[in-house]
Amino acid sequence: MKRMYVLANNQKKYSKPFVQAAHALSQFALEHPKQFQEWNNTTLVFLICDNIEKEMTRLLRKGALCAPFHEPDYNDRLTAICIYTNKKFMNRYKLM
């Protein structure tokens, strides 16, 4: 079963991770409407990491379907990523 994961940056200089995570989930809905409908608001897991740029590169190498969110208030820095997958590689991250 596929789950929706939202991975946010743990850096304190950005706004609360849940705010950034919500933006990433919305971005995923815009970029991948078919998969968003397939997900159908089932399992949603909020995760956190210390280096979001590094993790984005890692996720793309793994072939994950994802949507990054770049926060305009922080010079368009990557602050969160929404990932739709059934892969076990998401269990390396901490819960928010």
Foldseek 3Di string as FASTA:
>chain_A
DKAKEKEFAPDPVDPDRVVQSVVQLVQCCVVPVVVNVVNVPDHYFYFYDHDVVVVVVVCVVVVWDKGWFFDVVVVRHTTMMMTIGPDPPVVVTHGD
